[in-house]
N, C-alpha and C. Protein backbone atom coordinates (compact mmCIF):
# COMPACT_ATOMS: atom_id res chain seq x y z
N MET A 1 -26.11 -5.04 25.26
CA MET A 1 -25.15 -5.26 24.19
C MET A 1 -23.74 -5.22 24.78
N SER A 2 -22.99 -6.23 24.54
CA SER A 2 -21.65 -6.35 25.12
C SER A 2 -20.63 -5.72 24.20
N THR A 3 -19.66 -5.04 24.79
CA THR A 3 -18.61 -4.41 23.98
C THR A 3 -17.35 -5.24 23.97
N SER A 4 -17.35 -6.40 24.62
CA SER A 4 -16.15 -7.23 24.64
C SER A 4 -16.02 -8.00 23.33
N VAL A 5 -14.81 -8.37 23.04
CA VAL A 5 -14.52 -9.13 21.83
C VAL A 5 -14.68 -10.60 22.15
N SER A 6 -15.38 -11.33 21.31
CA SER A 6 -15.58 -12.75 21.54
C SER A 6 -14.27 -13.51 21.37
N GLY A 7 -14.27 -14.76 21.82
CA GLY A 7 -13.07 -15.58 21.71
C GLY A 7 -12.63 -15.78 20.28
N SER A 8 -13.59 -16.01 19.37
CA SER A 8 -13.23 -16.20 17.97
C SER A 8 -12.74 -14.89 17.35
N GLY A 9 -13.29 -13.75 17.82
CA GLY A 9 -12.83 -12.45 17.33
C GLY A 9 -11.40 -12.17 17.74
N ARG A 10 -11.06 -12.52 18.98
CA ARG A 10 -9.67 -12.35 19.43
C ARG A 10 -8.73 -13.26 18.67
N LEU A 11 -9.18 -14.49 18.43
CA LEU A 11 -8.34 -15.43 17.68
C LEU A 11 -8.10 -14.91 16.27
N ARG A 12 -9.14 -14.37 15.62
CA ARG A 12 -8.97 -13.81 14.27
C ARG A 12 -8.02 -12.62 14.30
N LEU A 13 -8.10 -11.80 15.34
CA LEU A 13 -7.21 -10.65 15.48
C LEU A 13 -5.77 -11.11 15.63
N LEU A 14 -5.56 -12.13 16.44
CA LEU A 14 -4.19 -12.60 16.71
C LEU A 14 -3.62 -13.41 15.56
N THR A 15 -4.46 -13.97 14.70
CA THR A 15 -3.94 -14.74 13.57
C THR A 15 -3.91 -13.93 12.28
N GLY A 16 -4.35 -12.69 12.33
CA GLY A 16 -4.38 -11.84 11.13
C GLY A 16 -3.09 -11.79 10.35
N PRO A 17 -1.95 -11.56 11.00
CA PRO A 17 -0.69 -11.47 10.24
C PRO A 17 -0.25 -12.79 9.60
N PHE A 18 -0.87 -13.89 10.01
CA PHE A 18 -0.43 -15.21 9.53
C PHE A 18 -1.41 -15.84 8.55
N ARG A 19 -2.46 -15.14 8.21
CA ARG A 19 -3.49 -15.69 7.32
C ARG A 19 -3.13 -15.45 5.85
N PRO A 20 -3.43 -16.41 5.00
CA PRO A 20 -3.19 -16.22 3.56
C PRO A 20 -3.92 -15.01 2.98
N ARG A 21 -5.12 -14.74 3.49
CA ARG A 21 -5.89 -13.59 3.01
C ARG A 21 -5.11 -12.30 3.22
N THR A 22 -4.49 -12.17 4.38
CA THR A 22 -3.69 -10.97 4.66
C THR A 22 -2.59 -10.82 3.63
N TRP A 23 -1.90 -11.89 3.34
CA TRP A 23 -0.75 -11.81 2.44
C TRP A 23 -1.18 -11.60 0.99
N ARG A 24 -2.38 -12.04 0.63
CA ARG A 24 -2.89 -11.71 -0.71
C ARG A 24 -3.14 -10.21 -0.82
N HIS A 25 -3.69 -9.60 0.23
CA HIS A 25 -3.93 -8.16 0.23
C HIS A 25 -2.60 -7.38 0.27
N VAL A 26 -1.64 -7.89 1.01
CA VAL A 26 -0.31 -7.26 1.04
C VAL A 26 0.31 -7.29 -0.35
N LEU A 27 0.25 -8.44 -1.00
CA LEU A 27 0.81 -8.56 -2.34
C LEU A 27 0.06 -7.66 -3.33
N TYR A 28 -1.26 -7.58 -3.18
CA TYR A 28 -2.06 -6.68 -4.02
C TYR A 28 -1.58 -5.24 -3.87
N ALA A 29 -1.29 -4.83 -2.65
CA ALA A 29 -0.83 -3.45 -2.41
C ALA A 29 0.58 -3.23 -2.96
N LEU A 30 1.41 -4.25 -2.91
CA LEU A 30 2.80 -4.09 -3.37
C LEU A 30 2.94 -4.17 -4.87
N VAL A 31 2.08 -4.95 -5.53
CA VAL A 31 2.15 -5.10 -6.99
C VAL A 31 1.22 -4.06 -7.60
N ALA A 32 1.66 -2.83 -7.60
CA ALA A 32 0.81 -1.74 -8.07
C ALA A 32 1.54 -0.94 -9.13
N LEU A 33 0.79 -0.51 -10.13
CA LEU A 33 1.35 0.27 -11.23
C LEU A 33 1.68 1.69 -10.82
N GLY A 34 0.90 2.27 -9.90
CA GLY A 34 1.12 3.66 -9.47
C GLY A 34 2.49 3.89 -8.84
N PRO A 35 2.82 3.16 -7.77
CA PRO A 35 4.15 3.35 -7.17
C PRO A 35 5.28 3.02 -8.14
N LEU A 36 5.05 2.03 -9.02
CA LEU A 36 6.07 1.70 -10.01
C LEU A 36 6.31 2.89 -10.95
N LEU A 37 5.23 3.54 -11.36
CA LEU A 37 5.35 4.72 -12.21
C LEU A 37 6.13 5.82 -11.49
N LEU A 38 5.84 6.02 -10.22
CA LEU A 38 6.55 7.05 -9.45
C LEU A 38 8.03 6.75 -9.31
N VAL A 39 8.39 5.47 -9.32
CA VAL A 39 9.80 5.08 -9.21
C VAL A 39 10.50 5.19 -10.56
N VAL A 40 9.84 4.75 -11.63
CA VAL A 40 10.46 4.71 -12.96
C VAL A 40 10.53 6.08 -13.62
N LEU A 41 9.53 6.90 -13.40
CA LEU A 41 9.45 8.19 -14.08
C LEU A 41 10.67 9.09 -13.87
N PRO A 42 11.16 9.26 -12.65
CA PRO A 42 12.35 10.13 -12.49
C PRO A 42 13.57 9.62 -13.27
N TYR A 43 13.74 8.30 -13.33
CA TYR A 43 14.87 7.75 -14.08
C TYR A 43 14.73 8.01 -15.58
N ALA A 44 13.52 7.88 -16.08
CA ALA A 44 13.29 8.16 -17.50
C ALA A 44 13.55 9.63 -17.81
N MET A 45 13.09 10.51 -16.93
CA MET A 45 13.30 11.94 -17.14
C MET A 45 14.79 12.30 -17.05
N LYS A 46 15.50 11.71 -16.09
CA LYS A 46 16.94 11.99 -15.94
C LYS A 46 17.71 11.47 -17.14
N SER A 47 17.27 10.35 -17.68
CA SER A 47 17.95 9.78 -18.84
C SER A 47 17.87 10.72 -20.04
N THR A 48 16.72 11.34 -20.25
CA THR A 48 16.60 12.27 -21.38
C THR A 48 17.47 13.49 -21.16
N GLN A 49 17.59 13.94 -19.91
CA GLN A 49 18.44 15.10 -19.62
C GLN A 49 19.91 14.75 -19.73
N ALA A 50 20.29 13.55 -19.31
CA ALA A 50 21.69 13.15 -19.34
C ALA A 50 22.21 13.02 -20.76
N HIS A 51 21.34 12.73 -21.70
CA HIS A 51 21.76 12.57 -23.09
C HIS A 51 21.51 13.83 -23.91
N GLY A 52 21.29 14.95 -23.22
CA GLY A 52 21.14 16.23 -23.91
C GLY A 52 19.84 16.37 -24.67
N ARG A 53 18.83 15.67 -24.28
CA ARG A 53 17.54 15.72 -24.96
C ARG A 53 16.44 16.16 -23.99
N GLN A 54 16.59 17.37 -23.44
CA GLN A 54 15.62 17.87 -22.47
C GLN A 54 14.21 17.94 -23.06
N GLN A 55 14.11 18.26 -24.36
CA GLN A 55 12.80 18.37 -25.00
C GLN A 55 12.09 17.02 -25.01
N MET A 56 12.85 15.95 -25.05
CA MET A 56 12.27 14.62 -25.11
C MET A 56 11.65 14.22 -23.77
N GLY A 57 12.03 14.89 -22.69
CA GLY A 57 11.49 14.55 -21.37
C GLY A 57 9.99 14.68 -21.32
N VAL A 58 9.45 15.73 -21.90
CA VAL A 58 8.00 15.93 -21.91
C VAL A 58 7.34 14.84 -22.74
N LEU A 59 7.94 14.48 -23.87
CA LEU A 59 7.39 13.42 -24.71
C LEU A 59 7.41 12.08 -23.97
N VAL A 60 8.50 11.78 -23.28
CA VAL A 60 8.60 10.54 -22.51
C VAL A 60 7.52 10.52 -21.43
N LEU A 61 7.33 11.63 -20.75
CA LEU A 61 6.30 11.73 -19.72
C LEU A 61 4.91 11.48 -20.31
N LEU A 62 4.61 12.11 -21.41
CA LEU A 62 3.30 11.93 -22.05
C LEU A 62 3.08 10.50 -22.52
N ILE A 63 4.11 9.90 -23.10
CA ILE A 63 3.99 8.51 -23.56
C ILE A 63 3.75 7.57 -22.39
N MET A 64 4.49 7.79 -21.30
CA MET A 64 4.30 6.94 -20.13
C MET A 64 2.90 7.09 -19.55
N LEU A 65 2.41 8.31 -19.49
CA LEU A 65 1.06 8.54 -18.96
C LEU A 65 -0.01 7.91 -19.84
N VAL A 66 0.14 8.01 -21.15
CA VAL A 66 -0.83 7.41 -22.07
C VAL A 66 -0.81 5.88 -21.95
N VAL A 67 0.40 5.32 -21.89
CA VAL A 67 0.51 3.86 -21.75
C VAL A 67 -0.14 3.40 -20.46
N VAL A 68 0.11 4.10 -19.37
CA VAL A 68 -0.49 3.72 -18.09
C VAL A 68 -2.01 3.92 -18.13
N ALA A 69 -2.47 4.99 -18.77
CA ALA A 69 -3.92 5.22 -18.84
C ALA A 69 -4.62 4.11 -19.63
N PHE A 70 -3.97 3.60 -20.68
CA PHE A 70 -4.57 2.55 -21.48
C PHE A 70 -4.43 1.17 -20.83
N THR A 71 -3.28 0.89 -20.23
CA THR A 71 -3.05 -0.44 -19.66
C THR A 71 -3.46 -0.55 -18.20
N GLY A 72 -3.58 0.58 -17.50
CA GLY A 72 -3.90 0.56 -16.08
C GLY A 72 -5.17 -0.19 -15.73
N PRO A 73 -6.30 0.10 -16.41
CA PRO A 73 -7.52 -0.65 -16.09
C PRO A 73 -7.38 -2.16 -16.31
N MET A 74 -6.71 -2.55 -17.38
CA MET A 74 -6.51 -3.97 -17.65
C MET A 74 -5.64 -4.61 -16.56
N VAL A 75 -4.57 -3.91 -16.19
CA VAL A 75 -3.68 -4.42 -15.14
C VAL A 75 -4.43 -4.51 -13.82
N GLU A 76 -5.26 -3.52 -13.52
CA GLU A 76 -6.03 -3.54 -12.27
C GLU A 76 -7.01 -4.70 -12.24
N ARG A 77 -7.69 -4.96 -13.35
CA ARG A 77 -8.62 -6.09 -13.40
C ARG A 77 -7.88 -7.41 -13.16
N LEU A 78 -6.74 -7.55 -13.81
CA LEU A 78 -5.93 -8.76 -13.68
C LEU A 78 -5.39 -8.90 -12.26
N ARG A 79 -4.90 -7.83 -11.71
CA ARG A 79 -4.34 -7.83 -10.36
C ARG A 79 -5.41 -8.20 -9.33
N ALA A 80 -6.58 -7.60 -9.42
CA ALA A 80 -7.66 -7.90 -8.48
C ALA A 80 -8.15 -9.33 -8.62
N GLN A 81 -8.23 -9.82 -9.85
CA GLN A 81 -8.71 -11.18 -10.09
C GLN A 81 -7.70 -12.22 -9.59
N LEU A 82 -6.44 -12.04 -9.93
CA LEU A 82 -5.43 -13.04 -9.56
C LEU A 82 -5.09 -13.03 -8.07
N LEU A 83 -5.00 -11.85 -7.49
CA LEU A 83 -4.53 -11.77 -6.10
C LEU A 83 -5.66 -11.82 -5.08
N LEU A 84 -6.83 -11.25 -5.41
CA LEU A 84 -7.91 -11.19 -4.44
C LEU A 84 -9.14 -11.99 -4.84
N GLY A 85 -9.18 -12.47 -6.08
CA GLY A 85 -10.36 -13.19 -6.54
C GLY A 85 -11.55 -12.28 -6.77
N GLU A 86 -11.30 -10.98 -6.95
CA GLU A 86 -12.36 -9.99 -7.16
C GLU A 86 -12.53 -9.72 -8.64
N ASP A 87 -13.77 -9.70 -9.09
CA ASP A 87 -14.08 -9.35 -10.47
C ASP A 87 -14.52 -7.90 -10.52
N ILE A 88 -13.69 -7.06 -11.11
CA ILE A 88 -14.01 -5.64 -11.20
C ILE A 88 -15.03 -5.38 -12.30
N GLY A 89 -14.99 -6.17 -13.32
CA GLY A 89 -15.91 -5.96 -14.43
C GLY A 89 -15.29 -5.05 -15.48
N HIS A 90 -16.03 -4.84 -16.54
CA HIS A 90 -15.52 -4.04 -17.65
C HIS A 90 -16.64 -3.18 -18.22
N ARG A 91 -16.37 -1.90 -18.33
CA ARG A 91 -17.31 -0.99 -18.99
C ARG A 91 -16.80 -0.76 -20.40
N SER A 92 -17.69 -0.82 -21.33
CA SER A 92 -17.31 -0.52 -22.71
C SER A 92 -18.08 0.70 -23.18
N GLY A 93 -17.71 1.13 -24.34
CA GLY A 93 -18.45 2.24 -24.93
C GLY A 93 -17.75 3.58 -24.76
N VAL A 94 -18.55 4.64 -24.86
CA VAL A 94 -18.05 6.00 -24.83
C VAL A 94 -17.46 6.31 -23.45
N GLY A 95 -16.39 7.04 -23.46
CA GLY A 95 -15.77 7.47 -22.22
C GLY A 95 -14.70 6.55 -21.67
N ARG A 96 -14.35 5.55 -22.44
CA ARG A 96 -13.34 4.58 -21.97
C ARG A 96 -12.01 5.27 -21.70
N ILE A 97 -11.59 6.14 -22.59
CA ILE A 97 -10.31 6.83 -22.42
C ILE A 97 -10.38 7.78 -21.23
N GLY A 98 -11.47 8.50 -21.11
CA GLY A 98 -11.64 9.41 -19.97
C GLY A 98 -11.63 8.67 -18.64
N ARG A 99 -12.33 7.52 -18.60
CA ARG A 99 -12.32 6.71 -17.37
C ARG A 99 -10.93 6.17 -17.10
N GLY A 100 -10.21 5.81 -18.15
CA GLY A 100 -8.85 5.32 -17.98
C GLY A 100 -7.94 6.39 -17.40
N LEU A 101 -8.08 7.62 -17.88
CA LEU A 101 -7.27 8.72 -17.35
C LEU A 101 -7.65 9.04 -15.90
N LEU A 102 -8.96 9.08 -15.63
CA LEU A 102 -9.41 9.32 -14.26
C LEU A 102 -8.92 8.21 -13.33
N PHE A 103 -9.04 6.97 -13.80
CA PHE A 103 -8.58 5.85 -12.99
C PHE A 103 -7.08 5.94 -12.73
N MET A 104 -6.32 6.34 -13.74
CA MET A 104 -4.87 6.46 -13.57
C MET A 104 -4.54 7.45 -12.46
N LEU A 105 -5.20 8.59 -12.46
CA LEU A 105 -4.92 9.61 -11.44
C LEU A 105 -5.36 9.16 -10.04
N VAL A 106 -6.57 8.62 -9.96
CA VAL A 106 -7.08 8.17 -8.66
C VAL A 106 -6.27 6.98 -8.15
N ASN A 107 -6.01 6.04 -9.04
CA ASN A 107 -5.29 4.83 -8.63
C ASN A 107 -3.83 5.14 -8.26
N LEU A 108 -3.25 6.13 -8.88
CA LEU A 108 -1.88 6.52 -8.52
C LEU A 108 -1.84 6.94 -7.06
N LEU A 109 -2.80 7.73 -6.66
CA LEU A 109 -2.86 8.18 -5.27
C LEU A 109 -3.19 7.02 -4.32
N ILE A 110 -4.25 6.28 -4.63
CA ILE A 110 -4.71 5.21 -3.73
C ILE A 110 -3.68 4.09 -3.64
N SER A 111 -3.13 3.67 -4.75
CA SER A 111 -2.15 2.57 -4.70
C SER A 111 -0.86 3.00 -4.01
N SER A 112 -0.53 4.27 -4.11
CA SER A 112 0.65 4.76 -3.38
C SER A 112 0.41 4.72 -1.88
N VAL A 113 -0.81 5.06 -1.46
CA VAL A 113 -1.14 4.99 -0.03
C VAL A 113 -1.15 3.55 0.46
N SER A 114 -1.75 2.63 -0.31
CA SER A 114 -1.77 1.23 0.12
C SER A 114 -0.37 0.65 0.15
N PHE A 115 0.47 1.04 -0.81
CA PHE A 115 1.87 0.61 -0.82
C PHE A 115 2.58 1.12 0.44
N ALA A 116 2.34 2.39 0.77
CA ALA A 116 2.97 2.98 1.96
C ALA A 116 2.46 2.32 3.24
N LEU A 117 1.19 1.94 3.28
CA LEU A 117 0.66 1.24 4.45
C LEU A 117 1.39 -0.07 4.68
N VAL A 118 1.60 -0.82 3.62
CA VAL A 118 2.27 -2.12 3.75
C VAL A 118 3.73 -1.92 4.16
N VAL A 119 4.42 -1.02 3.50
CA VAL A 119 5.83 -0.78 3.84
C VAL A 119 5.93 -0.24 5.28
N GLY A 120 5.05 0.65 5.65
CA GLY A 120 5.03 1.17 7.02
C GLY A 120 4.76 0.07 8.03
N TRP A 121 3.83 -0.83 7.71
CA TRP A 121 3.54 -1.96 8.61
C TRP A 121 4.79 -2.82 8.81
N PHE A 122 5.48 -3.12 7.72
CA PHE A 122 6.71 -3.91 7.81
C PHE A 122 7.75 -3.20 8.68
N ILE A 123 7.98 -1.94 8.41
CA ILE A 123 9.04 -1.20 9.11
C ILE A 123 8.72 -1.02 10.59
N VAL A 124 7.51 -0.55 10.88
CA VAL A 124 7.15 -0.30 12.28
C VAL A 124 7.13 -1.61 13.08
N SER A 125 6.57 -2.66 12.49
CA SER A 125 6.53 -3.94 13.19
C SER A 125 7.94 -4.47 13.43
N ALA A 126 8.75 -4.50 12.39
CA ALA A 126 10.10 -5.05 12.53
C ALA A 126 10.94 -4.22 13.51
N ARG A 127 10.88 -2.93 13.39
CA ARG A 127 11.70 -2.07 14.27
C ARG A 127 11.28 -2.20 15.72
N ASN A 128 9.98 -2.10 15.97
CA ASN A 128 9.52 -2.07 17.36
C ASN A 128 9.49 -3.45 18.01
N LEU A 129 9.23 -4.50 17.24
CA LEU A 129 9.26 -5.83 17.84
C LEU A 129 10.69 -6.27 18.18
N THR A 130 11.67 -5.72 17.47
CA THR A 130 13.07 -6.05 17.78
C THR A 130 13.71 -5.03 18.72
N TYR A 131 12.96 -4.03 19.13
CA TYR A 131 13.51 -2.99 20.01
C TYR A 131 14.09 -3.53 21.31
N PRO A 132 13.50 -4.57 21.92
CA PRO A 132 14.12 -5.10 23.14
C PRO A 132 15.54 -5.67 22.92
N ILE A 133 15.87 -5.99 21.69
CA ILE A 133 17.20 -6.54 21.40
C ILE A 133 18.24 -5.43 21.30
N TRP A 134 17.89 -4.33 20.66
CA TRP A 134 18.89 -3.30 20.37
C TRP A 134 18.58 -1.94 20.99
N GLY A 135 17.47 -1.80 21.68
CA GLY A 135 17.04 -0.48 22.12
C GLY A 135 17.50 -0.04 23.50
N TRP A 136 18.42 -0.72 24.08
CA TRP A 136 18.86 -0.38 25.44
C TRP A 136 19.93 0.69 25.40
N ALA A 137 19.57 1.87 24.93
CA ALA A 137 20.52 2.98 24.81
C ALA A 137 20.74 3.61 26.19
N PRO A 138 21.94 4.09 26.41
CA PRO A 138 22.17 4.80 27.67
C PRO A 138 21.38 6.10 27.68
N TYR A 139 20.92 6.48 28.84
CA TYR A 139 20.12 7.69 28.96
C TYR A 139 20.99 8.84 29.39
N PRO A 140 20.67 10.06 29.05
CA PRO A 140 19.41 10.54 28.50
C PRO A 140 19.31 10.26 27.01
N ASP A 141 18.25 9.59 26.62
CA ASP A 141 17.95 9.27 25.23
C ASP A 141 16.61 9.91 24.90
N PRO A 142 16.47 10.53 23.73
CA PRO A 142 15.22 11.21 23.41
C PRO A 142 14.09 10.25 22.99
N ALA A 143 14.30 8.94 23.13
CA ALA A 143 13.27 7.99 22.73
C ALA A 143 12.05 8.09 23.63
N TRP A 144 10.91 7.67 23.12
CA TRP A 144 9.68 7.68 23.89
C TRP A 144 9.81 6.72 25.06
N GLY A 145 9.06 6.95 26.08
CA GLY A 145 8.93 5.99 27.16
C GLY A 145 9.87 6.18 28.31
N GLY A 146 10.72 7.21 28.26
CA GLY A 146 11.64 7.43 29.37
C GLY A 146 10.88 7.61 30.65
N PRO A 147 11.48 7.85 31.70
CA PRO A 147 12.85 8.28 31.90
C PRO A 147 13.84 7.13 32.02
N SER A 148 13.40 5.89 31.85
CA SER A 148 14.33 4.77 31.97
C SER A 148 14.39 3.99 30.67
N PRO A 149 15.48 3.27 30.44
CA PRO A 149 15.55 2.42 29.24
C PRO A 149 14.44 1.37 29.22
N ALA A 150 14.07 0.85 30.37
CA ALA A 150 13.00 -0.16 30.42
C ALA A 150 11.68 0.42 29.92
N GLY A 151 11.39 1.66 30.27
CA GLY A 151 10.17 2.30 29.80
C GLY A 151 10.17 2.49 28.30
N ALA A 152 11.29 2.92 27.74
CA ALA A 152 11.40 3.11 26.29
C ALA A 152 11.25 1.78 25.57
N VAL A 153 11.92 0.74 26.07
CA VAL A 153 11.83 -0.57 25.44
C VAL A 153 10.41 -1.11 25.51
N ALA A 154 9.77 -0.99 26.67
CA ALA A 154 8.41 -1.50 26.83
C ALA A 154 7.43 -0.77 25.92
N LEU A 155 7.57 0.55 25.83
CA LEU A 155 6.65 1.32 24.99
C LEU A 155 6.84 0.99 23.51
N HIS A 156 8.09 0.90 23.06
CA HIS A 156 8.34 0.57 21.66
C HIS A 156 7.85 -0.84 21.34
N PHE A 157 8.11 -1.78 22.23
CA PHE A 157 7.67 -3.16 21.98
C PHE A 157 6.14 -3.22 21.93
N ALA A 158 5.46 -2.53 22.83
CA ALA A 158 3.99 -2.51 22.83
C ALA A 158 3.46 -1.91 21.52
N ALA A 159 4.10 -0.84 21.04
CA ALA A 159 3.68 -0.26 19.76
C ALA A 159 3.92 -1.24 18.61
N GLY A 160 4.98 -2.00 18.68
CA GLY A 160 5.25 -3.01 17.66
C GLY A 160 4.20 -4.11 17.66
N VAL A 161 3.78 -4.54 18.83
CA VAL A 161 2.74 -5.57 18.93
C VAL A 161 1.42 -5.05 18.36
N VAL A 162 1.06 -3.83 18.72
CA VAL A 162 -0.18 -3.23 18.20
C VAL A 162 -0.10 -3.11 16.68
N ALA A 163 1.01 -2.61 16.17
CA ALA A 163 1.15 -2.45 14.71
C ALA A 163 1.12 -3.80 14.02
N PHE A 164 1.78 -4.80 14.58
CA PHE A 164 1.86 -6.12 13.95
C PHE A 164 0.48 -6.78 13.84
N PHE A 165 -0.33 -6.64 14.88
CA PHE A 165 -1.62 -7.32 14.87
C PHE A 165 -2.77 -6.50 14.28
N PHE A 166 -2.68 -5.17 14.31
CA PHE A 166 -3.75 -4.35 13.76
C PHE A 166 -3.46 -3.89 12.33
N GLY A 167 -2.20 -3.86 11.94
CA GLY A 167 -1.82 -3.45 10.59
C GLY A 167 -2.51 -4.23 9.48
N PRO A 168 -2.55 -5.59 9.59
CA PRO A 168 -3.22 -6.35 8.52
C PRO A 168 -4.68 -5.97 8.32
N TRP A 169 -5.38 -5.67 9.39
CA TRP A 169 -6.80 -5.32 9.26
C TRP A 169 -6.96 -3.98 8.57
N LEU A 170 -6.06 -3.07 8.83
CA LEU A 170 -6.08 -1.78 8.15
C LEU A 170 -5.76 -1.96 6.66
N ILE A 171 -4.78 -2.78 6.36
CA ILE A 171 -4.40 -3.04 4.96
C ILE A 171 -5.54 -3.70 4.21
N ILE A 172 -6.17 -4.69 4.81
CA ILE A 172 -7.28 -5.38 4.16
C ILE A 172 -8.45 -4.42 3.92
N ALA A 173 -8.77 -3.61 4.91
CA ALA A 173 -9.87 -2.65 4.75
C ALA A 173 -9.56 -1.65 3.64
N PHE A 174 -8.33 -1.15 3.60
CA PHE A 174 -7.97 -0.16 2.60
C PHE A 174 -7.96 -0.76 1.20
N THR A 175 -7.40 -1.97 1.04
CA THR A 175 -7.36 -2.57 -0.30
C THR A 175 -8.75 -2.99 -0.77
N ASN A 176 -9.62 -3.39 0.16
CA ASN A 176 -11.01 -3.67 -0.24
C ASN A 176 -11.69 -2.39 -0.74
N TRP A 177 -11.44 -1.27 -0.07
CA TRP A 177 -11.98 0.01 -0.52
C TRP A 177 -11.38 0.37 -1.89
N GLN A 178 -10.10 0.08 -2.07
CA GLN A 178 -9.43 0.35 -3.34
C GLN A 178 -10.11 -0.42 -4.48
N VAL A 179 -10.46 -1.66 -4.25
CA VAL A 179 -11.16 -2.46 -5.26
C VAL A 179 -12.53 -1.86 -5.56
N ARG A 180 -13.24 -1.41 -4.53
CA ARG A 180 -14.56 -0.79 -4.75
C ARG A 180 -14.44 0.49 -5.58
N VAL A 181 -13.40 1.28 -5.33
CA VAL A 181 -13.18 2.50 -6.11
C VAL A 181 -12.88 2.15 -7.56
N ALA A 182 -12.02 1.15 -7.77
CA ALA A 182 -11.71 0.72 -9.14
C ALA A 182 -12.96 0.22 -9.85
N ARG A 183 -13.78 -0.53 -9.14
CA ARG A 183 -15.02 -1.06 -9.74
C ARG A 183 -15.96 0.10 -10.14
N SER A 184 -15.99 1.15 -9.33
CA SER A 184 -16.89 2.27 -9.64
C SER A 184 -16.39 3.11 -10.82
N ILE A 185 -15.07 3.14 -11.04
CA ILE A 185 -14.54 3.95 -12.15
C ILE A 185 -14.44 3.15 -13.45
N ILE A 186 -13.85 1.96 -13.40
CA ILE A 186 -13.60 1.20 -14.63
C ILE A 186 -14.40 -0.07 -14.73
N GLY A 187 -15.10 -0.44 -13.68
CA GLY A 187 -15.81 -1.70 -13.66
C GLY A 187 -17.29 -1.56 -13.91
N THR A 188 -18.00 -2.50 -13.35
CA THR A 188 -19.45 -2.57 -13.57
C THR A 188 -20.21 -1.67 -12.61
N GLY A 189 -19.50 -0.92 -11.81
CA GLY A 189 -20.17 0.05 -10.94
C GLY A 189 -20.54 -0.57 -9.67
């Protein structure tokens, strides 16, 4: 059994960042209700405090959570269908609200991680791939790869190449797992 990567496997690895499938998964990770809730919630809470209505903050929080619990499964089904072509399915009957609440909590965590993976991929790739342009700092510099500027630049650039080409595969694997989790909680199992 050979452990080498075939020619087509290497080609798929090198074309990963440029494939439409990758960008559908990236968009799926970025268009998420969980991270949006984490961004909007502090502003809603601050608004109630700024207008002298601290008691209303708890009510605003509860209303937002209920709205997300009811609309989250529908949004997830739509998001998976439109962006990935995945059918999550629909469970009806008893326990719909409980599954919606469970899905809201689980999806908040998972979608925040997938969002962070995509943002991290963008930042690490952009920073390290451009490091040869701006990274020639005079030494002693605490950057990795010393003791010379060439070592630091080479190490950062190599990390950027690895992140750029392996990041999409990690994002695709994680978002596929995310769809399976959603299917098990709110879908057809």
